Structures are given as structure tokens and as C-alpha cells.
N, C-alpha and C. Protein backbone atom coordinates (compact mmCIF):
# COMPACT_ATOMS: atom_id res chain seq x y z
N MET A 1 -71.54 32.75 -6.06
CA MET A 1 -71.01 31.79 -7.02
C MET A 1 -71.01 30.39 -6.43
N LYS A 2 -70.68 30.26 -5.14
CA LYS A 2 -70.56 28.95 -4.53
C LYS A 2 -71.89 28.20 -4.54
N ASN A 3 -72.99 28.92 -4.37
CA ASN A 3 -74.27 28.26 -4.22
C ASN A 3 -74.98 28.00 -5.54
N GLN A 4 -74.43 28.52 -6.63
CA GLN A 4 -75.07 28.32 -7.92
C GLN A 4 -74.75 26.93 -8.45
N GLU A 5 -75.71 26.34 -9.12
CA GLU A 5 -75.49 25.03 -9.72
C GLU A 5 -74.83 25.25 -11.08
N VAL A 6 -73.52 25.44 -11.06
CA VAL A 6 -72.78 25.69 -12.28
C VAL A 6 -71.72 24.62 -12.45
N VAL A 7 -71.17 24.53 -13.62
CA VAL A 7 -70.12 23.56 -13.88
C VAL A 7 -68.93 24.24 -14.51
N VAL A 8 -67.80 23.65 -14.33
CA VAL A 8 -66.58 24.14 -14.94
C VAL A 8 -66.16 23.12 -15.98
N LEU A 9 -66.02 23.56 -17.22
CA LEU A 9 -65.59 22.66 -18.29
C LEU A 9 -64.08 22.73 -18.38
N LEU A 10 -63.44 21.61 -18.21
CA LEU A 10 -61.98 21.55 -18.24
C LEU A 10 -61.53 20.61 -19.34
N GLU A 11 -60.47 21.03 -20.02
CA GLU A 11 -59.92 20.19 -21.05
C GLU A 11 -59.30 18.94 -20.44
N ASP A 12 -59.57 17.82 -21.05
CA ASP A 12 -58.97 16.57 -20.60
C ASP A 12 -58.32 15.91 -21.80
N ALA A 13 -57.07 16.29 -22.05
CA ALA A 13 -56.38 15.83 -23.25
C ALA A 13 -56.27 14.31 -23.29
N SER A 14 -56.13 13.69 -22.12
CA SER A 14 -55.95 12.25 -22.09
C SER A 14 -57.17 11.52 -22.63
N ARG A 15 -58.32 12.16 -22.57
CA ARG A 15 -59.54 11.53 -23.07
C ARG A 15 -59.96 12.13 -24.40
N GLY A 16 -59.18 13.10 -24.91
CA GLY A 16 -59.45 13.66 -26.22
C GLY A 16 -60.73 14.46 -26.29
N GLY A 17 -61.18 15.01 -25.21
CA GLY A 17 -62.42 15.77 -25.24
C GLY A 17 -62.56 16.66 -24.04
N ARG A 18 -63.81 16.86 -23.61
CA ARG A 18 -64.08 17.71 -22.46
C ARG A 18 -64.87 16.91 -21.43
N ARG A 19 -64.64 17.21 -20.20
CA ARG A 19 -65.42 16.57 -19.15
C ARG A 19 -66.01 17.64 -18.25
N VAL A 20 -67.02 17.28 -17.55
CA VAL A 20 -67.70 18.23 -16.67
C VAL A 20 -67.24 18.01 -15.23
N ARG A 21 -66.82 19.09 -14.61
CA ARG A 21 -66.43 19.05 -13.20
C ARG A 21 -67.27 20.07 -12.46
N SER A 22 -67.91 19.64 -11.40
CA SER A 22 -68.78 20.57 -10.66
C SER A 22 -67.97 21.67 -9.99
N MET A 23 -68.61 22.81 -9.79
CA MET A 23 -67.95 23.91 -9.11
C MET A 23 -67.51 23.51 -7.70
N GLU A 24 -68.34 22.72 -7.02
CA GLU A 24 -67.99 22.26 -5.67
C GLU A 24 -66.70 21.44 -5.69
N THR A 25 -66.61 20.56 -6.66
CA THR A 25 -65.41 19.74 -6.77
C THR A 25 -64.18 20.59 -7.05
N GLU A 26 -64.31 21.57 -7.96
CA GLU A 26 -63.19 22.42 -8.30
C GLU A 26 -62.75 23.29 -7.13
N LEU A 27 -63.70 23.82 -6.39
CA LEU A 27 -63.35 24.65 -5.22
C LEU A 27 -62.64 23.82 -4.16
N LEU A 28 -63.12 22.60 -3.94
CA LEU A 28 -62.47 21.72 -2.97
C LEU A 28 -61.08 21.32 -3.45
N ARG A 29 -60.95 21.07 -4.72
CA ARG A 29 -59.64 20.73 -5.28
C ARG A 29 -58.64 21.86 -5.03
N MET A 30 -59.04 23.08 -5.34
CA MET A 30 -58.16 24.23 -5.14
C MET A 30 -57.80 24.40 -3.68
N PHE A 31 -58.77 24.19 -2.80
CA PHE A 31 -58.53 24.34 -1.36
C PHE A 31 -57.56 23.29 -0.86
N LEU A 32 -57.71 22.05 -1.32
CA LEU A 32 -56.80 20.99 -0.91
C LEU A 32 -55.37 21.28 -1.38
N VAL A 33 -55.23 21.72 -2.61
CA VAL A 33 -53.91 22.02 -3.16
C VAL A 33 -53.24 23.17 -2.41
N GLU A 34 -54.01 24.19 -2.11
CA GLU A 34 -53.45 25.41 -1.50
C GLU A 34 -53.24 25.30 0.01
N GLN A 35 -54.09 24.56 0.68
CA GLN A 35 -54.10 24.59 2.15
C GLN A 35 -53.60 23.31 2.83
N LEU A 36 -53.58 22.20 2.10
CA LEU A 36 -53.26 20.93 2.77
C LEU A 36 -51.78 20.57 2.57
N ALA A 37 -50.97 20.87 3.57
CA ALA A 37 -49.55 20.56 3.52
C ALA A 37 -49.31 19.12 3.98
N PRO A 38 -48.21 18.50 3.57
CA PRO A 38 -47.90 17.13 4.03
C PRO A 38 -47.88 17.04 5.55
N GLY A 39 -48.51 16.02 6.07
CA GLY A 39 -48.53 15.81 7.51
C GLY A 39 -49.56 16.63 8.26
N THR A 40 -50.44 17.33 7.52
CA THR A 40 -51.49 18.13 8.16
C THR A 40 -52.85 17.65 7.70
N HIS A 41 -53.90 18.17 8.35
CA HIS A 41 -55.24 17.78 7.95
C HIS A 41 -56.16 18.99 7.91
N LEU A 42 -57.22 18.86 7.14
CA LEU A 42 -58.29 19.86 7.10
C LEU A 42 -59.54 19.20 7.65
N THR A 43 -60.24 19.89 8.51
CA THR A 43 -61.43 19.30 9.11
C THR A 43 -62.58 19.30 8.11
N TYR A 44 -63.56 18.44 8.36
CA TYR A 44 -64.74 18.41 7.50
C TYR A 44 -65.48 19.73 7.57
N ALA A 45 -65.43 20.39 8.72
CA ALA A 45 -66.09 21.69 8.88
C ALA A 45 -65.44 22.74 7.97
N GLU A 46 -64.11 22.74 7.93
CA GLU A 46 -63.39 23.69 7.07
C GLU A 46 -63.71 23.44 5.60
N LEU A 47 -63.74 22.18 5.21
CA LEU A 47 -64.04 21.82 3.83
C LEU A 47 -65.48 22.17 3.46
N SER A 48 -66.38 21.97 4.40
CA SER A 48 -67.78 22.30 4.16
C SER A 48 -67.98 23.80 3.99
N ASP A 49 -67.23 24.59 4.75
CA ASP A 49 -67.34 26.05 4.67
C ASP A 49 -66.95 26.57 3.28
N VAL A 50 -66.02 25.88 2.64
CA VAL A 50 -65.53 26.32 1.33
C VAL A 50 -66.65 26.34 0.30
N ILE A 51 -67.52 25.36 0.35
CA ILE A 51 -68.59 25.25 -0.65
C ILE A 51 -69.98 25.48 -0.05
N GLU A 52 -70.01 25.75 1.26
CA GLU A 52 -71.27 25.99 1.97
C GLU A 52 -72.23 24.81 1.82
N LYS A 53 -71.64 23.64 1.81
CA LYS A 53 -72.41 22.39 1.78
C LYS A 53 -71.68 21.36 2.63
N ASP A 54 -72.43 20.41 3.18
CA ASP A 54 -71.85 19.40 4.05
C ASP A 54 -71.10 18.35 3.23
N VAL A 55 -69.79 18.29 3.39
CA VAL A 55 -69.00 17.33 2.63
C VAL A 55 -69.14 15.91 3.17
N GLN A 56 -69.80 15.77 4.30
CA GLN A 56 -70.09 14.45 4.83
C GLN A 56 -71.50 14.02 4.48
N GLY A 57 -72.23 14.93 3.83
CA GLY A 57 -73.60 14.66 3.46
C GLY A 57 -73.82 14.83 1.97
N GLU A 58 -74.55 15.91 1.61
CA GLU A 58 -74.92 16.12 0.21
C GLU A 58 -73.72 16.33 -0.72
N ALA A 59 -72.61 16.85 -0.19
CA ALA A 59 -71.44 17.12 -1.04
C ALA A 59 -70.34 16.08 -0.87
N ARG A 60 -70.68 14.93 -0.35
CA ARG A 60 -69.69 13.87 -0.14
C ARG A 60 -69.03 13.46 -1.45
N GLY A 61 -69.85 13.37 -2.50
CA GLY A 61 -69.32 12.98 -3.81
C GLY A 61 -68.31 13.98 -4.35
N ALA A 62 -68.55 15.26 -4.09
CA ALA A 62 -67.64 16.31 -4.57
C ALA A 62 -66.28 16.18 -3.90
N LEU A 63 -66.28 15.86 -2.61
CA LEU A 63 -65.01 15.71 -1.89
C LEU A 63 -64.26 14.47 -2.38
N ILE A 64 -64.98 13.40 -2.60
CA ILE A 64 -64.35 12.19 -3.12
C ILE A 64 -63.69 12.47 -4.46
N SER A 65 -64.41 13.18 -5.33
CA SER A 65 -63.87 13.52 -6.65
C SER A 65 -62.65 14.43 -6.54
N ALA A 66 -62.72 15.42 -5.64
CA ALA A 66 -61.62 16.35 -5.47
C ALA A 66 -60.36 15.63 -4.99
N ARG A 67 -60.53 14.67 -4.10
CA ARG A 67 -59.38 13.91 -3.60
C ARG A 67 -58.76 13.07 -4.71
N LYS A 68 -59.58 12.48 -5.55
CA LYS A 68 -59.06 11.68 -6.67
C LYS A 68 -58.30 12.57 -7.65
N ILE A 69 -58.83 13.77 -7.89
CA ILE A 69 -58.21 14.68 -8.85
C ILE A 69 -56.85 15.17 -8.37
N VAL A 70 -56.77 15.58 -7.09
CA VAL A 70 -55.47 16.08 -6.59
C VAL A 70 -54.44 14.96 -6.51
N GLU A 71 -54.89 13.75 -6.34
CA GLU A 71 -53.96 12.62 -6.33
C GLU A 71 -53.40 12.41 -7.73
N LYS A 72 -54.27 12.47 -8.73
CA LYS A 72 -53.85 12.23 -10.11
C LYS A 72 -53.08 13.41 -10.70
N GLU A 73 -53.55 14.62 -10.45
CA GLU A 73 -52.97 15.79 -11.09
C GLU A 73 -51.87 16.47 -10.28
N ASN A 74 -51.92 16.34 -8.96
CA ASN A 74 -50.97 17.06 -8.11
C ASN A 74 -50.09 16.16 -7.25
N GLY A 75 -50.32 14.86 -7.31
CA GLY A 75 -49.52 13.94 -6.52
C GLY A 75 -49.76 14.06 -5.03
N ILE A 76 -50.97 14.46 -4.65
CA ILE A 76 -51.32 14.61 -3.24
C ILE A 76 -52.15 13.41 -2.79
N VAL A 77 -51.59 12.59 -1.91
CA VAL A 77 -52.28 11.40 -1.42
C VAL A 77 -52.92 11.71 -0.08
N THR A 78 -54.22 11.50 0.01
CA THR A 78 -54.94 11.82 1.24
C THR A 78 -55.66 10.60 1.79
N VAL A 79 -55.93 10.65 3.08
CA VAL A 79 -56.74 9.62 3.73
C VAL A 79 -57.78 10.31 4.59
N ALA A 80 -58.90 9.65 4.75
CA ALA A 80 -59.97 10.20 5.58
C ALA A 80 -59.77 9.78 7.04
N ILE A 81 -59.84 10.74 7.93
CA ILE A 81 -59.80 10.46 9.36
C ILE A 81 -61.24 10.51 9.85
N ARG A 82 -61.74 9.39 10.26
CA ARG A 82 -63.15 9.28 10.61
C ARG A 82 -63.57 10.31 11.66
N GLY A 83 -64.58 11.08 11.30
CA GLY A 83 -65.12 12.07 12.22
C GLY A 83 -64.29 13.32 12.37
N VAL A 84 -63.16 13.40 11.66
CA VAL A 84 -62.26 14.54 11.80
C VAL A 84 -62.12 15.31 10.49
N GLY A 85 -61.54 14.67 9.48
CA GLY A 85 -61.34 15.36 8.23
C GLY A 85 -60.42 14.61 7.29
N ILE A 86 -59.70 15.33 6.43
CA ILE A 86 -58.84 14.74 5.42
C ILE A 86 -57.38 15.05 5.75
N TYR A 87 -56.56 14.00 5.80
CA TYR A 87 -55.15 14.11 6.14
C TYR A 87 -54.31 13.86 4.89
N ARG A 88 -53.25 14.69 4.72
CA ARG A 88 -52.33 14.48 3.60
C ARG A 88 -51.12 13.69 4.07
N LEU A 89 -50.88 12.57 3.44
CA LEU A 89 -49.75 11.73 3.81
C LEU A 89 -48.42 12.36 3.42
N ARG A 90 -47.42 12.20 4.29
CA ARG A 90 -46.06 12.58 3.94
C ARG A 90 -45.52 11.56 2.95
N GLU A 91 -44.43 11.90 2.28
CA GLU A 91 -43.85 10.99 1.28
C GLU A 91 -43.56 9.61 1.86
N GLY A 92 -43.00 9.60 3.06
CA GLY A 92 -42.63 8.32 3.67
C GLY A 92 -43.80 7.55 4.26
N GLU A 93 -44.98 8.13 4.25
CA GLU A 93 -46.16 7.46 4.80
C GLU A 93 -46.99 6.76 3.75
N VAL A 94 -46.72 7.06 2.47
CA VAL A 94 -47.56 6.52 1.40
C VAL A 94 -47.42 5.01 1.26
N ALA A 95 -46.19 4.51 1.15
CA ALA A 95 -45.98 3.07 0.96
C ALA A 95 -46.54 2.23 2.10
N PRO A 96 -46.28 2.58 3.39
CA PRO A 96 -46.88 1.80 4.47
C PRO A 96 -48.41 1.80 4.42
N HIS A 97 -48.98 2.95 4.06
CA HIS A 97 -50.44 3.04 3.95
C HIS A 97 -50.97 2.13 2.85
N VAL A 98 -50.31 2.16 1.69
CA VAL A 98 -50.74 1.33 0.57
C VAL A 98 -50.60 -0.14 0.92
N LYS A 99 -49.49 -0.51 1.55
CA LYS A 99 -49.24 -1.91 1.90
C LYS A 99 -50.33 -2.46 2.81
N VAL A 100 -50.64 -1.71 3.84
CA VAL A 100 -51.68 -2.14 4.79
C VAL A 100 -53.05 -2.17 4.13
N THR A 101 -53.34 -1.14 3.32
CA THR A 101 -54.64 -1.06 2.66
C THR A 101 -54.86 -2.22 1.70
N VAL A 102 -53.85 -2.49 0.88
CA VAL A 102 -53.96 -3.59 -0.08
C VAL A 102 -54.11 -4.92 0.64
N ARG A 103 -53.28 -5.13 1.67
CA ARG A 103 -53.34 -6.39 2.41
C ARG A 103 -54.71 -6.59 3.05
N LYS A 104 -55.22 -5.55 3.67
CA LYS A 104 -56.51 -5.65 4.34
C LYS A 104 -57.65 -5.87 3.36
N LYS A 105 -57.68 -5.09 2.28
CA LYS A 105 -58.76 -5.21 1.30
C LYS A 105 -58.73 -6.54 0.57
N LEU A 106 -57.52 -6.96 0.19
CA LEU A 106 -57.41 -8.21 -0.56
C LEU A 106 -57.71 -9.41 0.32
N ASN A 107 -57.23 -9.37 1.56
CA ASN A 107 -57.52 -10.47 2.47
C ASN A 107 -59.01 -10.57 2.74
N ASN A 108 -59.65 -9.42 2.98
CA ASN A 108 -61.09 -9.43 3.22
C ASN A 108 -61.85 -9.94 2.00
N ALA A 109 -61.41 -9.49 0.81
CA ALA A 109 -62.06 -9.92 -0.42
C ALA A 109 -61.89 -11.42 -0.64
N CYS A 110 -60.69 -11.93 -0.34
CA CYS A 110 -60.43 -13.36 -0.51
C CYS A 110 -61.25 -14.19 0.46
N GLU A 111 -61.30 -13.77 1.71
CA GLU A 111 -62.07 -14.52 2.69
C GLU A 111 -63.55 -14.53 2.33
N ARG A 112 -64.07 -13.37 1.90
CA ARG A 112 -65.46 -13.28 1.48
C ARG A 112 -65.73 -14.17 0.27
N SER A 113 -64.79 -14.16 -0.68
CA SER A 113 -64.95 -14.96 -1.89
C SER A 113 -64.92 -16.46 -1.57
N LEU A 114 -64.04 -16.85 -0.66
CA LEU A 114 -63.96 -18.26 -0.28
C LEU A 114 -65.23 -18.70 0.45
N GLU A 115 -65.82 -17.81 1.22
CA GLU A 115 -67.10 -18.11 1.87
C GLU A 115 -68.18 -18.35 0.83
N GLN A 116 -68.17 -17.54 -0.23
CA GLN A 116 -69.16 -17.69 -1.30
C GLN A 116 -68.94 -19.00 -2.05
N LEU A 117 -67.68 -19.33 -2.33
CA LEU A 117 -67.38 -20.58 -3.03
C LEU A 117 -67.80 -21.79 -2.20
N LYS A 118 -67.70 -21.66 -0.91
CA LYS A 118 -68.06 -22.76 -0.02
C LYS A 118 -69.55 -23.07 -0.09
N CYS A 119 -70.35 -22.09 -0.48
CA CYS A 119 -71.80 -22.27 -0.55
C CYS A 119 -72.24 -23.11 -1.75
N VAL A 120 -71.33 -23.29 -2.71
CA VAL A 120 -71.68 -24.01 -3.94
C VAL A 120 -71.83 -25.51 -3.67
N LYS A 121 -72.89 -26.11 -4.21
CA LYS A 121 -73.09 -27.55 -4.13
C LYS A 121 -72.35 -28.19 -5.29
N LEU A 122 -71.18 -28.72 -5.00
CA LEU A 122 -70.30 -29.22 -6.06
C LEU A 122 -70.93 -30.35 -6.86
N GLU A 123 -71.80 -31.12 -6.24
CA GLU A 123 -72.41 -32.24 -6.95
C GLU A 123 -73.34 -31.79 -8.07
N GLU A 124 -73.68 -30.52 -8.07
CA GLU A 124 -74.56 -30.00 -9.11
C GLU A 124 -73.78 -29.36 -10.27
N LEU A 125 -72.46 -29.38 -10.19
CA LEU A 125 -71.63 -28.81 -11.25
C LEU A 125 -71.22 -29.88 -12.26
N ASN A 126 -71.10 -29.46 -13.52
CA ASN A 126 -70.53 -30.38 -14.50
C ASN A 126 -69.02 -30.25 -14.44
N ASN A 127 -68.31 -31.01 -15.24
CA ASN A 127 -66.85 -31.02 -15.15
C ASN A 127 -66.22 -29.67 -15.45
N VAL A 128 -66.75 -28.97 -16.44
CA VAL A 128 -66.22 -27.66 -16.80
C VAL A 128 -66.42 -26.68 -15.65
N GLN A 129 -67.60 -26.69 -15.07
CA GLN A 129 -67.91 -25.78 -13.96
C GLN A 129 -67.08 -26.11 -12.73
N LEU A 130 -66.88 -27.40 -12.47
CA LEU A 130 -66.08 -27.81 -11.32
C LEU A 130 -64.62 -27.39 -11.49
N LEU A 131 -64.11 -27.52 -12.70
CA LEU A 131 -62.74 -27.10 -12.98
C LEU A 131 -62.57 -25.61 -12.73
N GLU A 132 -63.53 -24.82 -13.20
CA GLU A 132 -63.47 -23.37 -12.98
C GLU A 132 -63.57 -23.04 -11.50
N HIS A 133 -64.42 -23.78 -10.78
CA HIS A 133 -64.59 -23.57 -9.34
C HIS A 133 -63.28 -23.83 -8.60
N LYS A 134 -62.63 -24.95 -8.91
CA LYS A 134 -61.39 -25.30 -8.22
C LYS A 134 -60.26 -24.34 -8.59
N PHE A 135 -60.24 -23.91 -9.84
CA PHE A 135 -59.24 -22.94 -10.26
C PHE A 135 -59.41 -21.62 -9.50
N THR A 136 -60.65 -21.15 -9.43
CA THR A 136 -60.94 -19.89 -8.74
C THR A 136 -60.60 -19.99 -7.26
N GLU A 137 -60.92 -21.13 -6.66
CA GLU A 137 -60.62 -21.34 -5.24
C GLU A 137 -59.10 -21.32 -5.00
N SER A 138 -58.36 -21.97 -5.89
CA SER A 138 -56.90 -22.04 -5.74
C SER A 138 -56.26 -20.66 -5.87
N VAL A 139 -56.68 -19.92 -6.89
CA VAL A 139 -56.14 -18.57 -7.11
C VAL A 139 -56.49 -17.65 -5.94
N THR A 140 -57.71 -17.74 -5.46
CA THR A 140 -58.15 -16.88 -4.36
C THR A 140 -57.37 -17.15 -3.09
N LYS A 141 -57.14 -18.43 -2.80
CA LYS A 141 -56.35 -18.78 -1.61
C LYS A 141 -54.92 -18.27 -1.74
N THR A 142 -54.36 -18.41 -2.94
CA THR A 142 -52.98 -17.97 -3.15
C THR A 142 -52.85 -16.46 -3.00
N LEU A 143 -53.80 -15.71 -3.58
CA LEU A 143 -53.77 -14.25 -3.46
C LEU A 143 -53.87 -13.83 -2.00
N GLY A 144 -54.74 -14.49 -1.27
CA GLY A 144 -54.88 -14.17 0.14
C GLY A 144 -53.62 -14.45 0.92
N PHE A 145 -52.98 -15.58 0.61
CA PHE A 145 -51.76 -15.95 1.31
C PHE A 145 -50.62 -14.99 1.00
N MET A 146 -50.56 -14.52 -0.25
CA MET A 146 -49.49 -13.62 -0.66
C MET A 146 -49.54 -12.28 0.07
N THR A 147 -50.70 -11.91 0.57
CA THR A 147 -50.84 -10.61 1.23
C THR A 147 -50.85 -10.72 2.75
N THR A 148 -50.56 -11.90 3.29
CA THR A 148 -50.48 -11.99 4.75
C THR A 148 -49.23 -11.25 5.22
N ALA A 149 -49.25 -10.80 6.44
CA ALA A 149 -48.14 -10.02 7.00
C ALA A 149 -46.84 -10.82 6.98
N LYS A 150 -46.92 -12.11 7.27
CA LYS A 150 -45.71 -12.94 7.33
C LYS A 150 -45.05 -13.05 5.97
N VAL A 151 -45.84 -13.28 4.93
CA VAL A 151 -45.29 -13.43 3.58
C VAL A 151 -44.72 -12.10 3.10
N GLN A 152 -45.45 -11.02 3.31
CA GLN A 152 -44.96 -9.72 2.88
C GLN A 152 -43.66 -9.34 3.58
N SER A 153 -43.58 -9.68 4.85
CA SER A 153 -42.36 -9.38 5.61
C SER A 153 -41.17 -10.16 5.06
N ALA A 154 -41.40 -11.43 4.72
CA ALA A 154 -40.32 -12.27 4.20
C ALA A 154 -39.83 -11.77 2.84
N ILE A 155 -40.76 -11.39 1.98
CA ILE A 155 -40.40 -10.90 0.65
C ILE A 155 -39.76 -9.52 0.73
N GLN A 156 -40.24 -8.70 1.65
CA GLN A 156 -39.71 -7.34 1.78
C GLN A 156 -38.21 -7.35 2.09
N LYS A 157 -37.76 -8.38 2.77
CA LYS A 157 -36.34 -8.47 3.12
C LYS A 157 -35.47 -8.69 1.88
N LYS A 158 -36.08 -9.12 0.79
CA LYS A 158 -35.32 -9.39 -0.44
C LYS A 158 -35.30 -8.19 -1.39
N VAL A 159 -36.08 -7.17 -1.09
CA VAL A 159 -36.16 -6.02 -1.97
C VAL A 159 -34.94 -5.12 -1.77
N THR A 160 -34.40 -4.60 -2.87
CA THR A 160 -33.25 -3.70 -2.81
C THR A 160 -33.70 -2.27 -3.05
N PHE A 161 -32.79 -1.32 -2.79
CA PHE A 161 -33.12 0.10 -2.92
C PHE A 161 -33.19 0.58 -4.36
N ASN A 162 -32.48 -0.11 -5.25
CA ASN A 162 -32.29 0.46 -6.59
C ASN A 162 -33.31 0.03 -7.63
N THR A 163 -34.21 -0.89 -7.32
CA THR A 163 -35.17 -1.32 -8.33
C THR A 163 -36.39 -1.97 -7.71
N VAL A 164 -37.47 -1.99 -8.49
CA VAL A 164 -38.66 -2.72 -8.10
C VAL A 164 -38.44 -4.18 -8.46
N MET A 165 -38.77 -5.08 -7.56
CA MET A 165 -38.52 -6.50 -7.80
C MET A 165 -39.37 -6.99 -8.98
N PRO A 166 -38.74 -7.62 -9.99
CA PRO A 166 -39.49 -8.17 -11.12
C PRO A 166 -40.51 -9.21 -10.63
N THR A 167 -41.61 -9.32 -11.33
CA THR A 167 -42.67 -10.24 -10.92
C THR A 167 -42.18 -11.68 -10.80
N ALA A 168 -41.38 -12.12 -11.77
CA ALA A 168 -40.88 -13.50 -11.76
C ALA A 168 -40.04 -13.75 -10.51
N GLN A 169 -39.21 -12.78 -10.15
CA GLN A 169 -38.36 -12.93 -8.97
C GLN A 169 -39.20 -12.92 -7.69
N LEU A 170 -40.21 -12.06 -7.67
CA LEU A 170 -41.09 -12.01 -6.50
C LEU A 170 -41.81 -13.34 -6.31
N LEU A 171 -42.29 -13.92 -7.41
CA LEU A 171 -43.00 -15.20 -7.34
C LEU A 171 -42.06 -16.31 -6.87
N GLU A 172 -40.79 -16.22 -7.26
CA GLU A 172 -39.81 -17.22 -6.83
C GLU A 172 -39.61 -17.15 -5.31
N HIS A 173 -39.51 -15.94 -4.78
CA HIS A 173 -39.38 -15.77 -3.33
C HIS A 173 -40.65 -16.25 -2.62
N PHE A 174 -41.79 -15.97 -3.23
CA PHE A 174 -43.07 -16.41 -2.67
C PHE A 174 -43.10 -17.94 -2.59
N LYS A 175 -42.62 -18.58 -3.64
CA LYS A 175 -42.58 -20.04 -3.69
C LYS A 175 -41.74 -20.59 -2.54
N ARG A 176 -40.61 -19.94 -2.28
CA ARG A 176 -39.73 -20.39 -1.21
C ARG A 176 -40.38 -20.24 0.16
N VAL A 177 -41.14 -19.16 0.31
CA VAL A 177 -41.85 -18.95 1.58
C VAL A 177 -42.88 -20.05 1.80
N VAL A 178 -43.60 -20.40 0.73
CA VAL A 178 -44.63 -21.45 0.83
C VAL A 178 -43.99 -22.78 1.19
N VAL A 179 -42.89 -23.13 0.51
CA VAL A 179 -42.21 -24.40 0.76
C VAL A 179 -41.65 -24.44 2.19
N LYS A 180 -41.05 -23.35 2.60
CA LYS A 180 -40.48 -23.26 3.95
C LYS A 180 -41.55 -23.37 5.01
N ASP A 181 -42.69 -22.75 4.74
CA ASP A 181 -43.79 -22.73 5.72
C ASP A 181 -44.56 -24.04 5.71
N GLY A 182 -44.41 -24.81 4.67
CA GLY A 182 -45.18 -26.04 4.57
C GLY A 182 -46.34 -25.83 3.62
N ASP A 183 -46.34 -26.49 2.49
CA ASP A 183 -47.35 -26.27 1.46
C ASP A 183 -48.74 -26.46 2.02
N GLY A 184 -49.57 -25.45 1.86
CA GLY A 184 -50.95 -25.53 2.32
C GLY A 184 -51.18 -24.89 3.66
N LYS A 185 -50.16 -24.89 4.53
CA LYS A 185 -50.36 -24.32 5.86
C LYS A 185 -50.64 -22.83 5.79
N GLY A 186 -49.92 -22.15 4.90
CA GLY A 186 -50.13 -20.72 4.77
C GLY A 186 -51.53 -20.40 4.30
N GLN A 187 -52.04 -21.21 3.37
CA GLN A 187 -53.37 -20.97 2.85
C GLN A 187 -54.42 -21.15 3.93
N LYS A 188 -54.18 -22.04 4.85
CA LYS A 188 -55.15 -22.26 5.91
C LYS A 188 -55.34 -21.03 6.78
N ARG A 189 -54.30 -20.17 6.84
CA ARG A 189 -54.41 -18.97 7.67
C ARG A 189 -55.50 -18.03 7.19
N ILE A 190 -55.70 -17.98 5.88
CA ILE A 190 -56.71 -17.05 5.37
C ILE A 190 -58.05 -17.75 5.20
N GLY A 191 -58.13 -19.02 5.54
CA GLY A 191 -59.41 -19.70 5.42
C GLY A 191 -59.26 -21.17 5.75
N CYS A 192 -58.94 -21.47 7.02
CA CYS A 192 -58.69 -22.86 7.40
C CYS A 192 -59.93 -23.71 7.16
N LYS A 193 -61.12 -23.09 7.24
CA LYS A 193 -62.33 -23.86 7.05
C LYS A 193 -62.56 -24.22 5.59
N TYR A 194 -61.78 -23.61 4.68
CA TYR A 194 -61.99 -23.90 3.26
C TYR A 194 -60.98 -24.89 2.72
N SER A 195 -59.86 -25.06 3.41
CA SER A 195 -58.74 -25.79 2.81
C SER A 195 -59.06 -27.25 2.54
N LYS A 196 -59.99 -27.85 3.28
CA LYS A 196 -60.34 -29.24 3.06
C LYS A 196 -61.44 -29.39 2.02
N GLY A 197 -61.99 -28.27 1.55
CA GLY A 197 -63.08 -28.34 0.58
C GLY A 197 -64.34 -28.81 1.26
N ASN A 198 -65.37 -29.17 0.45
CA ASN A 198 -66.57 -29.71 1.08
C ASN A 198 -66.76 -31.19 0.76
N GLY A 199 -65.61 -31.84 0.64
CA GLY A 199 -65.65 -33.29 0.66
C GLY A 199 -66.07 -33.96 -0.63
N ARG A 200 -65.99 -33.29 -1.76
CA ARG A 200 -66.41 -33.92 -3.00
C ARG A 200 -65.38 -33.68 -4.10
N ASN A 201 -65.03 -34.74 -4.80
CA ASN A 201 -64.05 -34.62 -5.87
C ASN A 201 -64.68 -34.82 -7.25
N GLY A 202 -65.84 -35.42 -7.30
CA GLY A 202 -66.48 -35.70 -8.58
C GLY A 202 -67.40 -34.60 -9.01
N ALA A 203 -67.99 -34.77 -10.18
CA ALA A 203 -68.92 -33.78 -10.71
C ALA A 203 -69.80 -34.43 -11.74
N LYS A 204 -70.80 -33.69 -12.16
CA LYS A 204 -71.65 -34.17 -13.23
C LYS A 204 -70.85 -34.25 -14.51
N SER A 205 -71.08 -35.22 -15.29
CA SER A 205 -70.40 -35.31 -16.58
C SER A 205 -71.12 -34.49 -17.63
């Protein structure tokens, strides 16, 4: 059964129809649910044995899908340990993992985006395009600054146990951090080479 190219049709009420899930994905999903306890890991070799295919090679997509499914349907959050296997996070490990992951991905994305914006020849933009460019640059710098370790640490001190901080209140604390740190200085941390722009304020009319 494992080696046959078959599919399992599963009802997906949320989408009002049926979706196709490969047998490999379903077998891996069942194995993760049954065998992966919080704080433990399954090796890639063990996972590959379940479907008799290499989950780091031809069956990589099946493992990715299985991990997404168990997260959505079973509340099992996993991370990949490079060269080892799949680890299931304990309840108390999820938030720190998400915080670091979001900060790292967003900071990298912001820095990359600012590098791309820096490549634009502003003198070739018309007023509408220049306005959009400056708006995008401002938002990108702000997003990057909001995810720096210093800002997150300052805001985290204001969070209480009984509720998620409302967006408006979070932004107010963020504003205070920026003012306290000196307007603009924080933004330079995620891209000091971008903060001065490329020396042009005008544009094509």
C-alpha cells in the first residue's frame, strides 16, 4: 500500500468540497500525531521508513504538507532540526520560537527590500511614483524597527497576563520607544545606509 501511487480523499468542510491528500502525506500525518510527543523528535530516517521514500528528497513535499496539517488540525507545532529530523515544540516553547522567527524573517525582508529601493533612480520617477517610493520606504523601515530585539523587549514589559495588547495601545508604546530612543536612530539600525536616502528630493512632474 505504501508504494502505490494512491490518494486519500478527505472531506474539507471549511472549503465546502473535497481535496486530495497523498497517501504519503496521510501516513506521515498519522505517524507525527501518534509518535511525536512534546519535547521529542523523530529522525528523518524514521520518517522516511514510514513511507519508504526519502523525506529529505522526493517526499520532502509530503512531509511539509503533513506538518502543516497536524499544526492546523491537531495543534502540533513542529520545527525542522537540520540534518536530524522534526522536533515538536512544548507549549512554552511556541511563543519564543514565533517571536524569533518573525523578527528574523521580517528584519531580513525589510533589509532586502530597502536594498532594492536603494537601487531606484529617483530622478526617473514622476511625483506619483516618488510618493509611493517614499511611502514604501518609510513603512518598511518602521516594520523593521518594530521587530528589533530592543523594541520588542521594551513593549513586552508592558504586556499583561490577562489579555493580548490592543493594536492601538501597542502602537502607542512603540511611539514612546521611538521618541525615547531618538527619532530616526532606531531606523538606522535596520539600514543605516538607507536612512539618508540617495540625495534627491525632487522628481519628474
